[in-house]
């Protein structure tokens, strides 16, 4: 039984050491956005796409209130469709793809409710690499589906950070 308090003290000491050095989990630091930028409208050709939903969720998690009418919002985010591309990076000895490069891109722009363009059309992209196993086609298809979901999330986060950075620069 004497080891139990020693074990708890060790865990507490490690937690204090990690917090003292400034460690935090990746993605745990939220993006702060000023109050003026918290009222937005999403303008997109496909509002029910996975990408549009991811953007809305990501922004809402950072305090943005999505409006149903662009006149009620301070800013409109004009979101283009996501574009996914897959290309071979290398071939194996049987002349089959050994590695893939996966790229996901999307364009976005931001307008004020007066119609003035605040952020011109900008392209964001995420690139990932993955190894291919020709013997496991079903498993690799599932891996690509999972990677596309992760890339979509990273793309939405990247757009959120760019708009937050611009908003912070305007407020300064």
N, C-alpha and C. Protein backbone atom coordinates (compact mmCIF):
# COMPACT_ATOMS: atom_id res chain seq x y z
N UNK A 1 0.78 -1.21 0.00
CA UNK A 1 0.00 0.00 0.00
C UNK A 1 0.83 1.28 0.00
N UNK A 2 2.06 1.31 0.50
CA UNK A 2 2.80 2.56 0.51
C UNK A 2 3.16 3.06 -0.89
N UNK A 3 3.08 2.22 -1.91
CA UNK A 3 3.42 2.66 -3.25
C UNK A 3 2.34 3.53 -3.86
N UNK A 4 1.11 3.39 -3.45
CA UNK A 4 0.00 4.14 -4.03
C UNK A 4 0.16 5.65 -3.85
N UNK A 5 0.45 6.16 -2.64
CA UNK A 5 0.66 7.62 -2.53
C UNK A 5 1.88 8.10 -3.32
N UNK A 6 2.90 7.27 -3.40
CA UNK A 6 4.08 7.62 -4.17
C UNK A 6 3.73 7.72 -5.66
N UNK A 7 2.90 6.82 -6.12
CA UNK A 7 2.45 6.81 -7.51
C UNK A 7 1.65 8.09 -7.82
N UNK A 8 0.75 8.47 -6.92
CA UNK A 8 -0.05 9.68 -7.11
C UNK A 8 0.83 10.93 -7.10
N UNK A 9 1.82 10.97 -6.23
CA UNK A 9 2.73 12.11 -6.17
C UNK A 9 3.53 12.23 -7.47
N UNK A 10 3.95 11.10 -8.02
CA UNK A 10 4.69 11.11 -9.28
C UNK A 10 3.82 11.66 -10.41
N UNK A 11 2.59 11.21 -10.51
CA UNK A 11 1.68 11.69 -11.55
C UNK A 11 1.43 13.19 -11.39
N UNK A 12 1.22 13.64 -10.17
CA UNK A 12 1.00 15.07 -9.91
C UNK A 12 2.23 15.88 -10.29
N UNK A 13 3.43 15.38 -9.96
CA UNK A 13 4.66 16.09 -10.30
C UNK A 13 4.84 16.19 -11.81
N UNK A 14 4.52 15.13 -12.54
CA UNK A 14 4.64 15.15 -14.00
C UNK A 14 3.64 16.13 -14.62
N UNK A 15 2.42 16.16 -14.10
CA UNK A 15 1.41 17.09 -14.61
C UNK A 15 1.85 18.53 -14.37
N UNK A 16 2.39 18.82 -13.21
CA UNK A 16 2.87 20.17 -12.91
C UNK A 16 4.05 20.54 -13.80
N UNK A 17 4.95 19.59 -14.04
CA UNK A 17 6.10 19.87 -14.90
C UNK A 17 5.66 20.17 -16.32
N UNK A 18 4.70 19.41 -16.84
CA UNK A 18 4.20 19.65 -18.19
C UNK A 18 3.50 21.00 -18.30
N UNK A 19 2.71 21.35 -17.31
CA UNK A 19 2.00 22.63 -17.38
C UNK A 19 2.98 23.80 -17.21
N UNK A 20 4.04 23.60 -16.46
CA UNK A 20 5.02 24.67 -16.24
C UNK A 20 5.83 24.97 -17.50
N UNK A 21 6.02 23.96 -18.36
CA UNK A 21 6.83 24.19 -19.56
C UNK A 21 5.99 24.73 -20.72
N UNK A 22 4.69 24.88 -20.53
CA UNK A 22 3.85 25.46 -21.57
C UNK A 22 3.27 24.43 -22.52
N UNK A 23 3.39 23.17 -22.20
CA UNK A 23 2.86 22.11 -23.06
C UNK A 23 1.34 22.18 -23.11
N UNK A 24 0.78 22.00 -24.30
CA UNK A 24 -0.66 21.82 -24.45
C UNK A 24 -0.91 20.91 -25.65
N UNK A 25 -2.02 20.23 -25.63
CA UNK A 25 -2.33 19.31 -26.70
C UNK A 25 -2.54 20.06 -28.00
N UNK A 26 -2.13 19.46 -29.09
CA UNK A 26 -2.30 20.07 -30.40
C UNK A 26 -3.78 20.28 -30.67
N UNK A 27 -4.13 21.48 -31.10
CA UNK A 27 -5.52 21.78 -31.39
C UNK A 27 -6.30 22.22 -30.17
N UNK A 28 -5.69 22.17 -28.99
CA UNK A 28 -6.41 22.54 -27.78
C UNK A 28 -6.52 24.06 -27.65
N UNK A 29 -5.61 24.79 -28.27
CA UNK A 29 -5.67 26.25 -28.20
C UNK A 29 -6.69 26.78 -29.18
N UNK A 30 -7.72 27.37 -28.68
CA UNK A 30 -8.77 27.89 -29.56
C UNK A 30 -8.32 29.16 -30.27
N UNK A 31 -9.00 29.49 -31.33
CA UNK A 31 -8.73 30.70 -32.09
C UNK A 31 -9.68 31.77 -31.58
N UNK A 32 -9.14 32.89 -31.16
CA UNK A 32 -10.03 33.95 -30.68
C UNK A 32 -10.35 34.89 -31.85
N UNK A 33 -11.59 35.29 -31.89
CA UNK A 33 -12.05 36.17 -32.96
C UNK A 33 -12.85 37.29 -32.31
N UNK A 34 -12.69 38.51 -32.82
CA UNK A 34 -13.32 39.67 -32.20
C UNK A 34 -14.83 39.60 -32.34
N UNK A 35 -15.53 40.37 -31.49
CA UNK A 35 -16.99 40.34 -31.45
C UNK A 35 -17.63 40.74 -32.78
N UNK A 36 -17.03 41.71 -33.49
CA UNK A 36 -17.60 42.15 -34.76
C UNK A 36 -17.64 41.01 -35.78
N UNK A 37 -16.68 40.10 -35.69
CA UNK A 37 -16.56 39.01 -36.65
C UNK A 37 -17.36 37.77 -36.23
N UNK A 38 -18.07 37.84 -35.14
CA UNK A 38 -18.79 36.66 -34.63
C UNK A 38 -20.16 36.46 -35.27
N UNK A 39 -20.59 37.36 -36.12
CA UNK A 39 -21.86 37.22 -36.82
C UNK A 39 -21.57 37.05 -38.30
N UNK A 40 -21.77 35.82 -38.80
CA UNK A 40 -21.40 35.51 -40.18
C UNK A 40 -22.52 34.76 -40.90
N UNK A 41 -22.41 34.80 -42.21
CA UNK A 41 -23.33 34.07 -43.10
C UNK A 41 -22.46 33.24 -44.03
N UNK A 42 -22.83 31.98 -44.25
CA UNK A 42 -22.07 31.10 -45.13
C UNK A 42 -22.75 31.04 -46.48
N UNK A 43 -22.04 31.51 -47.51
CA UNK A 43 -22.54 31.47 -48.88
C UNK A 43 -21.78 30.39 -49.63
N UNK A 44 -22.50 29.34 -50.02
CA UNK A 44 -21.88 28.21 -50.72
C UNK A 44 -22.90 27.58 -51.64
N UNK A 45 -22.40 26.91 -52.68
CA UNK A 45 -23.30 26.23 -53.62
C UNK A 45 -23.90 24.96 -53.03
N UNK A 46 -23.21 24.36 -52.05
CA UNK A 46 -23.69 23.13 -51.45
C UNK A 46 -23.65 23.24 -49.93
N UNK A 47 -24.68 23.82 -49.31
CA UNK A 47 -24.65 24.04 -47.87
C UNK A 47 -24.73 22.75 -47.05
N UNK A 48 -25.11 21.63 -47.66
CA UNK A 48 -25.22 20.37 -46.91
C UNK A 48 -24.04 19.44 -47.12
N UNK A 49 -22.99 19.92 -47.79
CA UNK A 49 -21.81 19.07 -48.00
C UNK A 49 -21.07 18.88 -46.68
N UNK A 50 -20.27 17.83 -46.63
CA UNK A 50 -19.49 17.56 -45.42
C UNK A 50 -18.54 18.73 -45.13
N UNK A 51 -17.98 19.31 -46.17
CA UNK A 51 -17.06 20.43 -45.98
C UNK A 51 -17.77 21.65 -45.41
N UNK A 52 -18.93 21.99 -45.93
CA UNK A 52 -19.69 23.13 -45.42
C UNK A 52 -20.06 22.92 -43.96
N UNK A 53 -20.49 21.71 -43.64
CA UNK A 53 -20.84 21.40 -42.24
C UNK A 53 -19.63 21.49 -41.34
N UNK A 54 -18.47 21.04 -41.83
CA UNK A 54 -17.24 21.10 -41.03
C UNK A 54 -16.84 22.56 -40.78
N UNK A 55 -16.95 23.41 -41.80
CA UNK A 55 -16.62 24.83 -41.64
C UNK A 55 -17.56 25.47 -40.62
N UNK A 56 -18.85 25.20 -40.74
CA UNK A 56 -19.81 25.77 -39.79
C UNK A 56 -19.52 25.31 -38.37
N UNK A 57 -19.23 24.04 -38.21
CA UNK A 57 -18.95 23.50 -36.87
C UNK A 57 -17.68 24.11 -36.30
N UNK A 58 -16.64 24.22 -37.11
CA UNK A 58 -15.35 24.75 -36.66
C UNK A 58 -15.50 26.21 -36.22
N UNK A 59 -16.21 27.00 -37.01
CA UNK A 59 -16.41 28.41 -36.68
C UNK A 59 -17.29 28.54 -35.44
N UNK A 60 -18.36 27.75 -35.36
CA UNK A 60 -19.27 27.82 -34.22
C UNK A 60 -18.54 27.46 -32.93
N UNK A 61 -17.60 26.53 -33.00
CA UNK A 61 -16.82 26.15 -31.82
C UNK A 61 -15.95 27.30 -31.34
N UNK A 62 -15.70 28.27 -32.21
CA UNK A 62 -14.89 29.44 -31.84
C UNK A 62 -15.75 30.68 -31.62
N UNK A 63 -17.04 30.49 -31.39
CA UNK A 63 -17.91 31.60 -31.00
C UNK A 63 -18.63 32.31 -32.12
N UNK A 64 -18.54 31.83 -33.35
CA UNK A 64 -19.21 32.48 -34.47
C UNK A 64 -20.68 32.05 -34.49
N UNK A 65 -21.57 33.04 -34.63
CA UNK A 65 -22.99 32.78 -34.77
C UNK A 65 -23.34 32.84 -36.25
N UNK A 66 -23.81 31.74 -36.80
CA UNK A 66 -24.19 31.71 -38.20
C UNK A 66 -25.59 32.25 -38.36
N UNK A 67 -25.75 33.20 -39.27
CA UNK A 67 -27.05 33.82 -39.53
C UNK A 67 -27.71 33.15 -40.74
N UNK A 68 -29.04 33.17 -40.77
CA UNK A 68 -29.78 32.59 -41.89
C UNK A 68 -29.91 33.55 -43.06
N UNK A 69 -29.64 34.83 -42.81
CA UNK A 69 -29.77 35.86 -43.85
C UNK A 69 -28.48 36.66 -43.89
N UNK A 70 -27.96 36.91 -45.09
CA UNK A 70 -26.69 37.64 -45.19
C UNK A 70 -26.82 39.10 -44.76
N UNK A 71 -28.02 39.64 -44.76
CA UNK A 71 -28.22 41.03 -44.30
C UNK A 71 -28.10 41.13 -42.78
N UNK A 72 -28.42 40.04 -42.08
CA UNK A 72 -28.35 40.04 -40.62
C UNK A 72 -26.92 39.84 -40.11
N UNK A 73 -26.04 39.34 -40.96
CA UNK A 73 -24.66 39.06 -40.56
C UNK A 73 -23.75 40.24 -40.86
N UNK A 74 -22.69 40.36 -40.09
CA UNK A 74 -21.69 41.40 -40.34
C UNK A 74 -20.80 41.04 -41.53
N UNK A 75 -20.53 39.73 -41.70
CA UNK A 75 -19.64 39.27 -42.76
C UNK A 75 -20.22 38.02 -43.40
N UNK A 76 -19.92 37.83 -44.68
CA UNK A 76 -20.30 36.62 -45.41
C UNK A 76 -19.04 35.89 -45.83
N UNK A 77 -18.99 34.61 -45.54
CA UNK A 77 -17.89 33.76 -46.00
C UNK A 77 -18.38 33.08 -47.27
N UNK A 78 -17.71 33.37 -48.38
CA UNK A 78 -18.04 32.77 -49.67
C UNK A 78 -17.12 31.57 -49.83
N UNK A 79 -17.71 30.38 -49.75
CA UNK A 79 -16.94 29.14 -49.73
C UNK A 79 -17.10 28.39 -51.04
N UNK A 80 -15.98 28.10 -51.68
CA UNK A 80 -16.01 27.30 -52.90
C UNK A 80 -16.02 25.82 -52.54
N UNK A 81 -16.22 24.96 -53.51
CA UNK A 81 -16.25 23.51 -53.23
C UNK A 81 -14.86 22.99 -52.91
N UNK A 82 -14.83 21.90 -52.15
CA UNK A 82 -13.54 21.25 -51.90
C UNK A 82 -13.15 20.49 -53.16
N UNK A 83 -11.87 20.48 -53.43
CA UNK A 83 -11.35 19.73 -54.58
C UNK A 83 -10.32 18.74 -54.06
N UNK A 84 -10.54 17.47 -54.35
CA UNK A 84 -9.66 16.41 -53.87
C UNK A 84 -8.90 15.83 -55.05
N UNK A 85 -7.59 15.62 -54.86
CA UNK A 85 -6.76 15.07 -55.92
C UNK A 85 -5.86 14.00 -55.32
N UNK A 86 -5.69 12.91 -56.05
CA UNK A 86 -4.82 11.83 -55.61
C UNK A 86 -3.87 11.50 -56.75
N UNK A 87 -2.57 11.46 -56.45
CA UNK A 87 -1.61 11.12 -57.50
C UNK A 87 -0.56 10.18 -56.94
N UNK A 88 0.04 9.42 -57.83
CA UNK A 88 1.07 8.45 -57.45
C UNK A 88 2.38 9.19 -57.18
N UNK A 89 3.02 8.85 -56.09
CA UNK A 89 4.34 9.42 -55.78
C UNK A 89 5.46 8.48 -56.19
N UNK A 90 5.25 7.18 -55.96
CA UNK A 90 6.30 6.22 -56.32
C UNK A 90 5.65 4.90 -56.71
N UNK A 91 6.42 4.10 -57.42
CA UNK A 91 5.95 2.80 -57.88
C UNK A 91 6.79 1.70 -57.23
N UNK A 92 6.16 0.53 -57.04
CA UNK A 92 6.91 -0.60 -56.50
C UNK A 92 7.52 -1.42 -57.65
N UNK A 93 8.11 -2.55 -57.34
CA UNK A 93 8.79 -3.36 -58.35
C UNK A 93 7.84 -3.95 -59.38
N UNK A 94 6.55 -3.99 -59.06
CA UNK A 94 5.54 -4.52 -59.99
C UNK A 94 4.87 -3.39 -60.78
N UNK A 95 5.44 -2.21 -60.73
CA UNK A 95 4.92 -1.02 -61.42
C UNK A 95 3.54 -0.62 -60.94
N UNK A 96 3.28 -0.86 -59.65
CA UNK A 96 2.05 -0.41 -59.02
C UNK A 96 2.38 0.72 -58.05
N UNK A 97 1.39 1.53 -57.77
CA UNK A 97 1.61 2.67 -56.88
C UNK A 97 2.00 2.20 -55.49
N UNK A 98 3.14 2.70 -55.00
CA UNK A 98 3.60 2.36 -53.65
C UNK A 98 3.24 3.46 -52.68
N UNK A 99 3.15 4.68 -53.16
CA UNK A 99 2.78 5.83 -52.33
C UNK A 99 1.87 6.75 -53.10
N UNK A 100 0.94 7.37 -52.37
CA UNK A 100 0.04 8.36 -52.94
C UNK A 100 0.26 9.70 -52.27
N UNK A 101 0.00 10.76 -53.02
CA UNK A 101 -0.08 12.09 -52.45
C UNK A 101 -1.54 12.52 -52.57
N UNK A 102 -2.13 12.87 -51.44
CA UNK A 102 -3.52 13.31 -51.39
C UNK A 102 -3.53 14.81 -51.16
N UNK A 103 -4.26 15.55 -51.98
CA UNK A 103 -4.34 17.00 -51.86
C UNK A 103 -5.81 17.42 -51.82
N UNK A 104 -6.14 18.28 -50.87
CA UNK A 104 -7.48 18.84 -50.80
C UNK A 104 -7.35 20.35 -50.78
N UNK A 105 -8.12 21.00 -51.65
CA UNK A 105 -8.08 22.47 -51.79
C UNK A 105 -9.49 23.02 -51.71
N UNK A 106 -9.56 24.25 -51.27
CA UNK A 106 -10.83 24.98 -51.30
C UNK A 106 -10.52 26.47 -51.37
N UNK A 107 -11.38 27.21 -52.03
CA UNK A 107 -11.24 28.66 -52.08
C UNK A 107 -12.28 29.29 -51.17
N UNK A 108 -11.93 30.44 -50.63
CA UNK A 108 -12.86 31.19 -49.81
C UNK A 108 -12.59 32.67 -49.97
N UNK A 109 -13.58 33.45 -49.67
CA UNK A 109 -13.46 34.91 -49.66
C UNK A 109 -14.39 35.41 -48.56
N UNK A 110 -14.17 36.65 -48.13
CA UNK A 110 -15.01 37.23 -47.09
C UNK A 110 -15.47 38.61 -47.55
N UNK A 111 -16.78 38.85 -47.39
CA UNK A 111 -17.37 40.15 -47.73
C UNK A 111 -18.04 40.74 -46.50
N UNK A 112 -18.02 42.07 -46.43
CA UNK A 112 -18.80 42.76 -45.41
C UNK A 112 -20.27 42.72 -45.82
N UNK A 113 -21.16 43.03 -44.89
CA UNK A 113 -22.59 43.03 -45.23
C UNK A 113 -22.94 44.16 -46.20
N UNK A 114 -22.03 45.10 -46.40
CA UNK A 114 -22.23 46.18 -47.38
C UNK A 114 -21.87 45.73 -48.79
N UNK A 115 -21.27 44.54 -48.92
CA UNK A 115 -20.87 44.02 -50.22
C UNK A 115 -19.39 44.22 -50.52
N UNK A 116 -18.71 44.99 -49.69
CA UNK A 116 -17.28 45.25 -49.87
C UNK A 116 -16.47 43.98 -49.61
N UNK A 117 -15.56 43.65 -50.54
CA UNK A 117 -14.72 42.47 -50.40
C UNK A 117 -13.64 42.76 -49.36
N UNK A 118 -13.61 41.96 -48.30
CA UNK A 118 -12.64 42.15 -47.22
C UNK A 118 -11.42 41.26 -47.45
N UNK A 119 -11.66 40.00 -47.76
CA UNK A 119 -10.58 39.07 -48.09
C UNK A 119 -10.87 38.55 -49.49
N UNK A 120 -9.97 38.85 -50.41
CA UNK A 120 -10.14 38.39 -51.80
C UNK A 120 -10.11 36.87 -51.83
N UNK A 121 -10.53 36.30 -52.94
CA UNK A 121 -10.56 34.85 -53.10
C UNK A 121 -9.18 34.26 -52.82
N UNK A 122 -9.13 33.35 -51.87
CA UNK A 122 -7.89 32.75 -51.40
C UNK A 122 -8.04 31.23 -51.43
N UNK A 123 -6.99 30.54 -51.78
CA UNK A 123 -7.02 29.09 -51.81
C UNK A 123 -6.26 28.53 -50.62
N UNK A 124 -6.89 27.61 -49.91
CA UNK A 124 -6.24 26.88 -48.83
C UNK A 124 -6.07 25.45 -49.28
N UNK A 125 -5.00 24.81 -48.85
CA UNK A 125 -4.79 23.43 -49.25
C UNK A 125 -4.14 22.63 -48.12
N UNK A 126 -4.40 21.34 -48.15
CA UNK A 126 -3.81 20.38 -47.22
C UNK A 126 -3.28 19.23 -48.06
N UNK A 127 -2.05 18.81 -47.76
CA UNK A 127 -1.41 17.72 -48.51
C UNK A 127 -0.99 16.64 -47.52
N UNK A 128 -1.30 15.39 -47.87
CA UNK A 128 -0.89 14.24 -47.06
C UNK A 128 -0.32 13.17 -47.99
N UNK A 129 0.52 12.33 -47.41
CA UNK A 129 1.06 11.20 -48.16
C UNK A 129 0.64 9.92 -47.46
N UNK A 130 0.45 8.87 -48.24
CA UNK A 130 0.12 7.58 -47.66
C UNK A 130 0.75 6.47 -48.48
N UNK A 131 1.08 5.39 -47.81
CA UNK A 131 1.62 4.22 -48.49
C UNK A 131 0.46 3.39 -49.02
N UNK A 132 0.70 2.71 -50.12
CA UNK A 132 -0.34 1.89 -50.73
C UNK A 132 0.03 0.42 -50.60
N UNK A 133 -0.97 -0.40 -50.37
CA UNK A 133 -0.80 -1.84 -50.34
C UNK A 133 -1.77 -2.44 -51.35
N UNK A 134 -1.29 -2.83 -52.54
CA UNK A 134 -2.19 -3.37 -53.57
C UNK A 134 -2.95 -4.62 -53.13
N UNK A 135 -2.46 -5.29 -52.10
CA UNK A 135 -3.11 -6.51 -51.60
C UNK A 135 -4.31 -6.20 -50.70
N UNK A 136 -4.41 -4.96 -50.24
CA UNK A 136 -5.46 -4.59 -49.29
C UNK A 136 -6.24 -3.40 -49.84
N UNK A 137 -6.96 -3.60 -50.90
CA UNK A 137 -7.67 -2.52 -51.59
C UNK A 137 -8.78 -1.94 -50.70
N UNK A 138 -9.54 -2.80 -50.04
CA UNK A 138 -10.65 -2.34 -49.20
C UNK A 138 -10.12 -1.52 -48.02
N UNK A 139 -9.06 -2.00 -47.39
CA UNK A 139 -8.48 -1.28 -46.25
C UNK A 139 -7.93 0.07 -46.66
N UNK A 140 -7.30 0.15 -47.81
CA UNK A 140 -6.74 1.41 -48.28
C UNK A 140 -7.85 2.38 -48.68
N UNK A 141 -8.94 1.88 -49.24
CA UNK A 141 -10.07 2.76 -49.57
C UNK A 141 -10.65 3.38 -48.29
N UNK A 142 -10.72 2.58 -47.24
CA UNK A 142 -11.21 3.09 -45.95
C UNK A 142 -10.22 4.11 -45.37
N UNK A 143 -8.93 3.83 -45.52
CA UNK A 143 -7.91 4.76 -45.03
C UNK A 143 -8.00 6.10 -45.78
N UNK A 144 -8.25 6.06 -47.07
CA UNK A 144 -8.40 7.29 -47.85
C UNK A 144 -9.63 8.05 -47.38
N UNK A 145 -10.71 7.35 -47.10
CA UNK A 145 -11.93 8.00 -46.60
C UNK A 145 -11.66 8.71 -45.27
N UNK A 146 -10.93 8.05 -44.38
CA UNK A 146 -10.59 8.65 -43.08
C UNK A 146 -9.66 9.85 -43.27
N UNK A 147 -8.66 9.70 -44.14
CA UNK A 147 -7.74 10.81 -44.40
C UNK A 147 -8.46 12.01 -45.02
N UNK A 148 -9.42 11.76 -45.91
CA UNK A 148 -10.20 12.86 -46.49
C UNK A 148 -10.97 13.61 -45.41
N UNK A 149 -11.52 12.88 -44.46
CA UNK A 149 -12.24 13.52 -43.36
C UNK A 149 -11.30 14.37 -42.51
N UNK A 150 -10.11 13.84 -42.21
CA UNK A 150 -9.11 14.60 -41.45
C UNK A 150 -8.66 15.83 -42.22
N UNK A 151 -8.46 15.68 -43.52
CA UNK A 151 -8.01 16.80 -44.35
C UNK A 151 -9.09 17.88 -44.42
N UNK A 152 -10.34 17.47 -44.50
CA UNK A 152 -11.46 18.41 -44.52
C UNK A 152 -11.48 19.23 -43.22
N UNK A 153 -11.25 18.55 -42.12
CA UNK A 153 -11.20 19.22 -40.82
C UNK A 153 -10.03 20.20 -40.75
N UNK A 154 -8.86 19.78 -41.22
CA UNK A 154 -7.69 20.66 -41.22
C UNK A 154 -7.89 21.86 -42.14
N UNK A 155 -8.55 21.64 -43.26
CA UNK A 155 -8.84 22.72 -44.20
C UNK A 155 -9.78 23.76 -43.56
N UNK A 156 -10.80 23.28 -42.89
CA UNK A 156 -11.73 24.19 -42.19
C UNK A 156 -11.00 24.96 -41.10
N UNK A 157 -10.13 24.29 -40.37
CA UNK A 157 -9.35 24.95 -39.32
C UNK A 157 -8.41 26.00 -39.92
N UNK A 158 -7.81 25.68 -41.04
CA UNK A 158 -6.92 26.62 -41.72
C UNK A 158 -7.67 27.87 -42.15
N UNK A 159 -8.86 27.70 -42.70
CA UNK A 159 -9.68 28.85 -43.11
C UNK A 159 -10.05 29.68 -41.88
N UNK A 160 -10.42 29.01 -40.80
CA UNK A 160 -10.76 29.71 -39.56
C UNK A 160 -9.57 30.54 -39.06
N UNK A 161 -8.39 29.96 -39.06
CA UNK A 161 -7.20 30.68 -38.59
C UNK A 161 -6.88 31.88 -39.47
N UNK A 162 -7.01 31.72 -40.79
CA UNK A 162 -6.71 32.85 -41.69
C UNK A 162 -7.68 34.00 -41.48
N UNK A 163 -8.95 33.69 -41.33
CA UNK A 163 -9.94 34.76 -41.11
C UNK A 163 -9.71 35.39 -39.73
N UNK A 164 -9.43 34.60 -38.71
CA UNK A 164 -9.16 35.13 -37.38
C UNK A 164 -7.92 36.02 -37.38
N UNK A 165 -6.88 35.61 -38.12
CA UNK A 165 -5.67 36.41 -38.21
C UNK A 165 -5.97 37.75 -38.88
N UNK A 166 -6.73 37.71 -39.97
CA UNK A 166 -7.09 38.95 -40.66
C UNK A 166 -7.91 39.84 -39.74
N UNK A 167 -8.86 39.26 -39.02
CA UNK A 167 -9.71 40.04 -38.12
C UNK A 167 -8.88 40.68 -37.01
N UNK A 168 -7.91 39.94 -36.49
CA UNK A 168 -7.05 40.48 -35.44
C UNK A 168 -6.18 41.62 -35.97
N UNK A 169 -5.72 41.50 -37.21
CA UNK A 169 -4.90 42.54 -37.81
C UNK A 169 -5.72 43.82 -38.04
N UNK A 170 -6.99 43.66 -38.38
CA UNK A 170 -7.86 44.81 -38.60
C UNK A 170 -8.20 45.51 -37.29
N UNK A 171 -8.30 44.75 -36.20
CA UNK A 171 -8.63 45.32 -34.91
C UNK A 171 -7.43 46.03 -34.26
N UNK A 172 -6.23 45.65 -34.68
CA UNK A 172 -5.02 46.21 -34.05
C UNK A 172 -4.75 47.64 -34.49
